[in-house]
PDB file of all heavy atoms in Angstrom:
ATOM      1  N   ILE A   1      -3.172   7.720   1.764  1.00  0.00           N
ATOM      2  CA  ILE A   1      -4.124   6.592   2.254  1.00  0.00           C
ATOM      3  C   ILE A   1      -4.448   6.742   3.707  1.00  0.00           C
ATOM      4  O   ILE A   1      -3.524   6.733   4.533  1.00  0.00           O
ATOM      5  CB  ILE A   1      -3.515   5.237   1.989  1.00  0.00           C
ATOM      6  CG1 ILE A   1      -3.257   5.028   0.466  1.00  0.00           C
ATOM      7  CG2 ILE A   1      -4.420   4.071   2.591  1.00  0.00           C
ATOM      8  CD1 ILE A   1      -2.551   3.785   0.108  1.00  0.00           C
ATOM      9  N   THR A   2      -5.644   7.006   3.997  1.00  0.00           N
ATOM     10  CA  THR A   2      -6.019   7.142   5.515  1.00  0.00           C
ATOM     11  C   THR A   2      -6.995   6.210   5.970  1.00  0.00           C
ATOM     12  O   THR A   2      -7.228   6.115   7.162  1.00  0.00           O
ATOM     13  CB  THR A   2      -6.649   8.475   5.716  1.00  0.00           C
ATOM     14  OG1 THR A   2      -7.754   8.647   4.827  1.00  0.00           O
ATOM     15  CG2 THR A   2      -5.624   9.634   5.394  1.00  0.00           C
ATOM     16  N   ASP A   3      -7.573   5.324   5.031  1.00  0.00           N
ATOM     17  CA  ASP A   3      -8.386   4.272   5.507  1.00  0.00           C
ATOM     18  C   ASP A   3      -7.639   2.960   5.889  1.00  0.00           C
ATOM     19  O   ASP A   3      -6.830   2.501   5.139  1.00  0.00           O
ATOM     20  CB  ASP A   3      -9.487   3.916   4.340  1.00  0.00           C
ATOM     21  CG  ASP A   3     -10.347   2.774   4.612  1.00  0.00           C
ATOM     22  OD1 ASP A   3     -11.441   3.060   5.152  1.00  0.00           O
ATOM     23  OD2 ASP A   3     -10.073   1.605   4.250  1.00  0.00           O
ATOM     24  N   LYS A   4      -7.993   2.426   7.011  1.00  0.00           N
ATOM     25  CA  LYS A   4      -7.179   1.239   7.588  1.00  0.00           C
ATOM     26  C   LYS A   4      -7.287   0.110   6.639  1.00  0.00           C
ATOM     27  O   LYS A   4      -6.225  -0.550   6.316  1.00  0.00           O
ATOM     28  CB  LYS A   4      -7.779   0.882   8.944  1.00  0.00           C
ATOM     29  CG  LYS A   4      -6.871  -0.191   9.517  1.00  0.00           C
ATOM     30  CD  LYS A   4      -7.444  -0.636  10.885  1.00  0.00           C
ATOM     31  CE  LYS A   4      -6.768  -1.818  11.476  1.00  0.00           C
ATOM     32  NZ  LYS A   4      -7.252  -2.287  12.795  1.00  0.00           N
ATOM     33  N   THR A   5      -8.451  -0.193   6.081  1.00  0.00           N
ATOM     34  CA  THR A   5      -8.541  -1.394   5.093  1.00  0.00           C
ATOM     35  C   THR A   5      -7.802  -1.219   3.835  1.00  0.00           C
ATOM     36  O   THR A   5      -7.016  -2.102   3.443  1.00  0.00           O
ATOM     37  CB  THR A   5      -9.997  -1.632   4.811  1.00  0.00           C
ATOM     38  OG1 THR A   5     -10.686  -1.932   6.096  1.00  0.00           O
ATOM     39  CG2 THR A   5     -10.114  -2.873   3.971  1.00  0.00           C
ATOM     40  N   VAL A   6      -7.906  -0.007   3.254  1.00  0.00           N
ATOM     41  CA  VAL A   6      -7.131   0.322   2.140  1.00  0.00           C
ATOM     42  C   VAL A   6      -5.579   0.200   2.347  1.00  0.00           C
ATOM     43  O   VAL A   6      -4.822  -0.267   1.557  1.00  0.00           O
ATOM     44  CB  VAL A   6      -7.423   1.756   1.570  1.00  0.00           C
ATOM     45  CG1 VAL A   6      -6.520   2.139   0.446  1.00  0.00           C
ATOM     46  CG2 VAL A   6      -8.861   1.672   1.206  1.00  0.00           C
ATOM     47  N   TYR A   7      -5.171   0.760   3.523  1.00  0.00           N
ATOM     48  CA  TYR A   7      -3.785   0.638   4.008  1.00  0.00           C
ATOM     49  C   TYR A   7      -3.220  -0.709   4.044  1.00  0.00           C
ATOM     50  O   TYR A   7      -2.235  -0.978   3.545  1.00  0.00           O
ATOM     51  CB  TYR A   7      -3.627   1.472   5.228  1.00  0.00           C
ATOM     52  CG  TYR A   7      -2.215   1.575   5.776  1.00  0.00           C
ATOM     53  CD1 TYR A   7      -1.322   2.552   5.106  1.00  0.00           C
ATOM     54  CD2 TYR A   7      -1.852   0.884   6.839  1.00  0.00           C
ATOM     55  CE1 TYR A   7       0.108   2.623   5.529  1.00  0.00           C
ATOM     56  CE2 TYR A   7      -0.424   0.960   7.295  1.00  0.00           C
ATOM     57  CZ  TYR A   7       0.478   1.878   6.593  1.00  0.00           C
ATOM     58  OH  TYR A   7       1.713   1.925   7.082  1.00  0.00           O
ATOM     59  N   GLU A   8      -3.993  -1.506   4.737  1.00  0.00           N
ATOM     60  CA  GLU A   8      -3.642  -2.963   4.873  1.00  0.00           C
ATOM     61  C   GLU A   8      -3.566  -3.596   3.513  1.00  0.00           C
ATOM     62  O   GLU A   8      -2.623  -4.470   3.307  1.00  0.00           O
ATOM     63  CB  GLU A   8      -4.658  -3.651   5.792  1.00  0.00           C
ATOM     64  CG  GLU A   8      -4.569  -3.170   7.252  1.00  0.00           C
ATOM     65  CD  GLU A   8      -5.613  -3.666   8.152  1.00  0.00           C
ATOM     66  OE1 GLU A   8      -6.619  -4.177   7.658  1.00  0.00           O
ATOM     67  OE2 GLU A   8      -5.518  -3.497   9.368  1.00  0.00           O
ATOM     68  N   ASN A   9      -4.523  -3.402   2.650  1.00  0.00           N
ATOM     69  CA  ASN A   9      -4.421  -3.993   1.322  1.00  0.00           C
ATOM     70  C   ASN A   9      -3.146  -3.375   0.650  1.00  0.00           C
ATOM     71  O   ASN A   9      -2.504  -4.233  -0.153  1.00  0.00           O
ATOM     72  CB  ASN A   9      -5.678  -3.641   0.413  1.00  0.00           C
ATOM     73  CG  ASN A   9      -6.893  -4.263   0.986  1.00  0.00           C
ATOM     74  OD1 ASN A   9      -6.856  -5.417   1.691  1.00  0.00           O
ATOM     75  ND2 ASN A   9      -8.133  -3.784   0.690  1.00  0.00           N
ATOM     76  N   GLU A  10      -2.767  -2.192   0.703  1.00  0.00           N
ATOM     77  CA  GLU A  10      -1.661  -1.666   0.138  1.00  0.00           C
ATOM     78  C   GLU A  10      -0.382  -2.311   0.595  1.00  0.00           C
ATOM     79  O   GLU A  10       0.521  -2.680  -0.113  1.00  0.00           O
ATOM     80  CB  GLU A  10      -1.549  -0.178   0.272  1.00  0.00           C
ATOM     81  CG  GLU A  10      -0.333   0.515  -0.400  1.00  0.00           C
ATOM     82  CD  GLU A  10      -0.481   0.402  -1.964  1.00  0.00           C
ATOM     83  OE1 GLU A  10      -1.596   0.117  -2.524  1.00  0.00           O
ATOM     84  OE2 GLU A  10       0.601   0.648  -2.645  1.00  0.00           O
ATOM     85  N   LEU A  11      -0.414  -2.564   2.064  1.00  0.00           N
ATOM     86  CA  LEU A  11       0.795  -3.259   2.523  1.00  0.00           C
ATOM     87  C   LEU A  11       0.865  -4.737   1.946  1.00  0.00           C
ATOM     88  O   LEU A  11       1.967  -5.197   1.677  1.00  0.00           O
ATOM     89  CB  LEU A  11       0.658  -3.307   3.992  1.00  0.00           C
ATOM     90  CG  LEU A  11       0.934  -1.949   4.871  1.00  0.00           C
ATOM     91  CD1 LEU A  11       0.606  -2.141   6.293  1.00  0.00           C
ATOM     92  CD2 LEU A  11       2.276  -1.478   4.537  1.00  0.00           C
ATOM     93  N   ARG A  12      -0.181  -5.365   1.912  1.00  0.00           N
ATOM     94  CA  ARG A  12      -0.068  -6.775   1.210  1.00  0.00           C
ATOM     95  C   ARG A  12       0.398  -6.649  -0.177  1.00  0.00           C
ATOM     96  O   ARG A  12       1.238  -7.484  -0.649  1.00  0.00           O
ATOM     97  CB  ARG A  12      -1.486  -7.360   1.265  1.00  0.00           C
ATOM     98  CG  ARG A  12      -1.880  -8.050   2.545  1.00  0.00           C
ATOM     99  CD  ARG A  12      -3.170  -8.888   2.521  1.00  0.00           C
ATOM    100  NE  ARG A  12      -4.336  -8.068   2.485  1.00  0.00           N
ATOM    101  CZ  ARG A  12      -4.879  -7.608   3.578  1.00  0.00           C
ATOM    102  NH1 ARG A  12      -4.223  -7.660   4.688  1.00  0.00           N
ATOM    103  NH2 ARG A  12      -6.044  -6.880   3.447  1.00  0.00           N
ATOM    104  N   LYS A  13      -0.010  -5.754  -0.950  1.00  0.00           N
ATOM    105  CA  LYS A  13       0.374  -5.538  -2.274  1.00  0.00           C
ATOM    106  C   LYS A  13       1.890  -5.196  -2.335  1.00  0.00           C
ATOM    107  O   LYS A  13       2.667  -5.853  -3.168  1.00  0.00           O
ATOM    108  CB  LYS A  13      -0.353  -4.480  -2.938  1.00  0.00           C
ATOM    109  CG  LYS A  13       0.218  -4.057  -4.359  1.00  0.00           C
ATOM    110  CD  LYS A  13      -0.646  -2.955  -4.880  1.00  0.00           C
ATOM    111  CE  LYS A  13      -0.205  -2.496  -6.289  1.00  0.00           C
ATOM    112  NZ  LYS A  13      -0.811  -1.312  -6.856  1.00  0.00           N
ATOM    113  N   VAL A  14       2.401  -4.400  -1.524  1.00  0.00           N
ATOM    114  CA  VAL A  14       3.755  -4.108  -1.388  1.00  0.00           C
ATOM    115  C   VAL A  14       4.609  -5.357  -1.138  1.00  0.00           C
ATOM    116  O   VAL A  14       5.703  -5.579  -1.623  1.00  0.00           O
ATOM    117  CB  VAL A  14       4.143  -2.967  -0.411  1.00  0.00           C
ATOM    118  CG1 VAL A  14       5.620  -2.835  -0.011  1.00  0.00           C
ATOM    119  CG2 VAL A  14       3.554  -1.659  -0.829  1.00  0.00           C
ATOM    120  N   ALA A  15       4.087  -6.104  -0.055  1.00  0.00           N
ATOM    121  CA  ALA A  15       4.895  -7.379   0.305  1.00  0.00           C
ATOM    122  C   ALA A  15       4.878  -8.413  -0.878  1.00  0.00           C
ATOM    123  O   ALA A  15       5.893  -8.919  -1.063  1.00  0.00           O
ATOM    124  CB  ALA A  15       4.110  -7.991   1.517  1.00  0.00           C
ATOM    125  N   GLU A  16       3.874  -8.393  -1.589  1.00  0.00           N
ATOM    126  CA  GLU A  16       3.809  -9.383  -2.705  1.00  0.00           C
ATOM    127  C   GLU A  16       4.672  -8.867  -3.891  1.00  0.00           C
ATOM    128  O   GLU A  16       5.398  -9.783  -4.470  1.00  0.00           O
ATOM    129  CB  GLU A  16       2.403  -9.475  -3.321  1.00  0.00           C
ATOM    130  CG  GLU A  16       1.362 -10.254  -2.410  1.00  0.00           C
ATOM    131  CD  GLU A  16      -0.022 -10.179  -2.827  1.00  0.00           C
ATOM    132  OE1 GLU A  16      -0.299  -9.801  -3.881  1.00  0.00           O
ATOM    133  OE2 GLU A  16      -0.905 -10.730  -2.048  1.00  0.00           O
ATOM    134  N   GLN A  17       4.683  -7.732  -4.251  1.00  0.00           N
ATOM    135  CA  GLN A  17       5.427  -7.227  -5.306  1.00  0.00           C
ATOM    136  C   GLN A  17       6.886  -6.841  -4.980  1.00  0.00           C
ATOM    137  O   GLN A  17       7.670  -6.749  -5.916  1.00  0.00           O
ATOM    138  CB  GLN A  17       4.789  -6.079  -6.060  1.00  0.00           C
ATOM    139  CG  GLN A  17       4.650  -4.836  -5.400  1.00  0.00           C
ATOM    140  CD  GLN A  17       3.800  -3.733  -6.085  1.00  0.00           C
ATOM    141  OE1 GLN A  17       3.053  -4.198  -7.003  1.00  0.00           O
ATOM    142  NE2 GLN A  17       3.792  -2.522  -5.686  1.00  0.00           N
ATOM    143  N   GLY A  18       7.241  -6.593  -3.747  1.00  0.00           N
ATOM    144  CA  GLY A  18       8.495  -6.310  -3.316  1.00  0.00           C
ATOM    145  C   GLY A  18       8.996  -4.917  -3.405  1.00  0.00           C
ATOM    146  O   GLY A  18      10.081  -4.502  -3.115  1.00  0.00           O
ATOM    147  N   TYR A  19       7.990  -3.943  -3.667  1.00  0.00           N
ATOM    148  CA  TYR A  19       8.306  -2.483  -3.587  1.00  0.00           C
ATOM    149  C   TYR A  19       7.028  -1.712  -3.432  1.00  0.00           C
ATOM    150  O   TYR A  19       5.950  -2.236  -3.554  1.00  0.00           O
ATOM    151  CB  TYR A  19       9.015  -2.188  -5.000  1.00  0.00           C
ATOM    152  CG  TYR A  19       8.100  -2.381  -6.122  1.00  0.00           C
ATOM    153  CD1 TYR A  19       7.246  -1.296  -6.732  1.00  0.00           C
ATOM    154  CD2 TYR A  19       8.188  -3.506  -6.925  1.00  0.00           C
ATOM    155  CE1 TYR A  19       6.456  -1.569  -7.733  1.00  0.00           C
ATOM    156  CE2 TYR A  19       7.395  -3.750  -7.997  1.00  0.00           C
ATOM    157  CZ  TYR A  19       6.515  -2.739  -8.532  1.00  0.00           C
ATOM    158  OH  TYR A  19       5.701  -2.906  -9.491  1.00  0.00           O
ATOM    159  N   ALA A  20       7.243  -0.456  -3.009  1.00  0.00           N
ATOM    160  CA  ALA A  20       6.091   0.407  -2.813  1.00  0.00           C
ATOM    161  C   ALA A  20       6.087   1.556  -3.822  1.00  0.00           C
ATOM    162  O   ALA A  20       7.215   2.023  -4.220  1.00  0.00           O
ATOM    163  CB  ALA A  20       6.152   1.033  -1.407  1.00  0.00           C
ATOM    164  N   VAL A  21       4.951   1.996  -4.132  1.00  0.00           N
ATOM    165  CA  VAL A  21       4.778   3.252  -5.113  1.00  0.00           C
ATOM    166  C   VAL A  21       4.029   4.207  -4.402  1.00  0.00           C
ATOM    167  O   VAL A  21       3.051   3.975  -3.704  1.00  0.00           O
ATOM    168  CB  VAL A  21       4.121   2.693  -6.328  1.00  0.00           C
ATOM    169  CG1 VAL A  21       3.868   3.954  -7.351  1.00  0.00           C
ATOM    170  CG2 VAL A  21       4.918   1.620  -7.060  1.00  0.00           C
ATOM    171  N   SER A  22       4.490   5.407  -4.439  1.00  0.00           N
ATOM    172  CA  SER A  22       3.794   6.516  -4.023  1.00  0.00           C
ATOM    173  C   SER A  22       3.693   7.676  -5.004  1.00  0.00           C
ATOM    174  O   SER A  22       4.702   8.088  -5.529  1.00  0.00           O
ATOM    175  CB  SER A  22       4.455   7.136  -2.768  1.00  0.00           C
ATOM    176  OG  SER A  22       3.854   8.323  -2.379  1.00  0.00           O
ATOM    177  N   VAL A  23       2.470   8.062  -5.318  1.00  0.00           N
ATOM    178  CA  VAL A  23       2.243   9.131  -6.256  1.00  0.00           C
ATOM    179  C   VAL A  23       1.432  10.268  -5.569  1.00  0.00           C
ATOM    180  O   VAL A  23       0.246  10.094  -5.407  1.00  0.00           O
ATOM    181  CB  VAL A  23       1.642   8.716  -7.594  1.00  0.00           C
ATOM    182  CG1 VAL A  23       1.509   9.829  -8.632  1.00  0.00           C
ATOM    183  CG2 VAL A  23       2.396   7.576  -8.176  1.00  0.00           C
ATOM    184  N   GLY A  24       2.086  11.266  -5.144  1.00  0.00           N
ATOM    185  CA  GLY A  24       1.502  12.356  -4.449  1.00  0.00           C
ATOM    186  C   GLY A  24       0.890  12.145  -3.089  1.00  0.00           C
ATOM    187  O   GLY A  24      -0.016  12.837  -2.670  1.00  0.00           O
ATOM    188  N   GLU A  25       1.312  11.005  -2.401  1.00  0.00           N
ATOM    189  CA  GLU A  25       0.694  10.611  -1.247  1.00  0.00           C
ATOM    190  C   GLU A  25       1.281  11.434  -0.065  1.00  0.00           C
ATOM    191  O   GLU A  25       0.572  11.698   0.918  1.00  0.00           O
ATOM    192  CB  GLU A  25       0.900   9.123  -0.955  1.00  0.00           C
ATOM    193  CG  GLU A  25       0.070   8.270  -1.885  1.00  0.00           C
ATOM    194  CD  GLU A  25       0.304   6.828  -1.692  1.00  0.00           C
ATOM    195  OE1 GLU A  25       0.539   6.368  -0.398  1.00  0.00           O
ATOM    196  OE2 GLU A  25       0.316   6.020  -2.551  1.00  0.00           O
TER     197      GLU A  25
END
């Protein structure tokens, strides 16, 4: 993820669900 908006959305998702997922990032 290199786009700032996409990154910020991903951070919100991680905070909501309580974990992060990375597949080939």
